């Protein structure tokens, strides 16, 4: 029973950290897209 509880806690911790990592990657990609869009607009003008 202790093994099941321990494995469940480890799995939950990994799931939470993965969500934070994916969220951070999404923000990075969004920021890069905004920078490219701004550069394209500046070059067009």
C-alpha atoms as a PDB file:
ATOM      1  CA  UNK A   1       0.000   0.000   0.000  1.00  0.00           C
ATOM      2  CA  UNK A   2       2.868   2.385   0.781  1.00  0.00           C
ATOM      3  CA  UNK A   3       4.340   1.791  -2.681  1.00  0.00           C
ATOM      4  CA  UNK A   4       1.070   2.718  -4.361  1.00  0.00           C
ATOM      5  CA  UNK A   5       0.767   5.929  -2.364  1.00  0.00           C
ATOM      6  CA  UNK A   6       4.390   6.856  -3.017  1.00  0.00           C
ATOM      7  CA  UNK A   7       4.070   6.190  -6.747  1.00  0.00           C
ATOM      8  CA  UNK A   8       0.863   8.206  -6.875  1.00  0.00           C
ATOM      9  CA  UNK A   9       2.522  11.176  -5.190  1.00  0.00           C
ATOM     10  CA  UNK A  10       5.515  11.013  -7.521  1.00  0.00           C
ATOM     11  CA  UNK A  11       3.229  10.800 -10.570  1.00  0.00           C
ATOM     12  CA  UNK A  12       1.203  13.785  -9.349  1.00  0.00           C
ATOM     13  CA  UNK A  13       4.373  15.831  -8.793  1.00  0.00           C
ATOM     14  CA  UNK A  14       5.607  15.019 -12.291  1.00  0.00           C
ATOM     15  CA  UNK A  15       2.258  15.938 -13.821  1.00  0.00           C
ATOM     16  CA  UNK A  16       2.212  19.302 -12.059  1.00  0.00           C
ATOM     17  CA  UNK A  17       5.790  20.118 -13.080  1.00  0.00           C
ATOM     18  CA  UNK A  18       5.055  19.117 -16.678  1.00  0.00           C
ATOM     19  CA  UNK A  19       2.116  21.514 -16.791  1.00  0.00           C
ATOM     20  CA  UNK A  20       4.335  24.368 -15.633  1.00  0.00           C
ATOM     21  CA  UNK A  21       6.966  23.483 -18.219  1.00  0.00           C
ATOM     22  CA  UNK A  22       4.441  23.356 -21.060  1.00  0.00           C
ATOM     23  CA  UNK A  23       2.902  26.622 -19.921  1.00  0.00           C
ATOM     24  CA  UNK A  24       6.306  28.304 -19.889  1.00  0.00           C
ATOM     25  CA  UNK A  25       7.123  26.961 -23.341  1.00  0.00           C
ATOM     26  CA  UNK A  26       3.815  28.307 -24.622  1.00  0.00           C
ATOM     27  CA  UNK A  27       4.620  31.764 -23.287  1.00  0.00           C
ATOM     28  CA  UNK A  28       8.073  31.640 -24.887  1.00  0.00           C
ATOM     29  CA  UNK A  29       6.646  30.681 -28.275  1.00  0.00           C
ATOM     30  CA  UNK A  30       4.022  33.396 -27.994  1.00  0.00           C
ATOM     31  CA  UNK A  31       6.649  36.013 -27.160  1.00  0.00           C
ATOM     32  CA  UNK A  32       8.802  34.901 -30.094  1.00  0.00           C
ATOM     33  CA  UNK A  33       5.799  35.127 -32.427  1.00  0.00           C
ATOM     34  CA  UNK A  34       5.052  38.636 -31.213  1.00  0.00           C
ATOM     35  CA  UNK A  35       8.658  39.681 -31.792  1.00  0.00           C
ATOM     36  CA  UNK A  36       8.600  38.307 -35.351  1.00  0.00           C
ATOM     37  CA  UNK A  37       5.299  40.063 -36.046  1.00  0.00           C
ATOM     38  CA  UNK A  38       6.636  43.352 -34.708  1.00  0.00           C
ATOM     39  CA  UNK A  39       9.791  43.025 -36.788  1.00  0.00           C
ATOM     40  CA  UNK A  40       7.777  42.303 -39.914  1.00  0.00           C
ATOM     41  CA  UNK A  41       5.565  45.337 -39.326  1.00  0.00           C
ATOM     42  CA  UNK A  42       8.613  47.558 -38.752  1.00  0.00           C
ATOM     43  CA  UNK A  43      10.276  46.286 -41.947  1.00  0.00           C
ATOM     44  CA  UNK A  44       7.084  46.869 -43.930  1.00  0.00           C
ATOM     45  CA  UNK A  45       6.984  50.536 -42.882  1.00  0.00           C
END
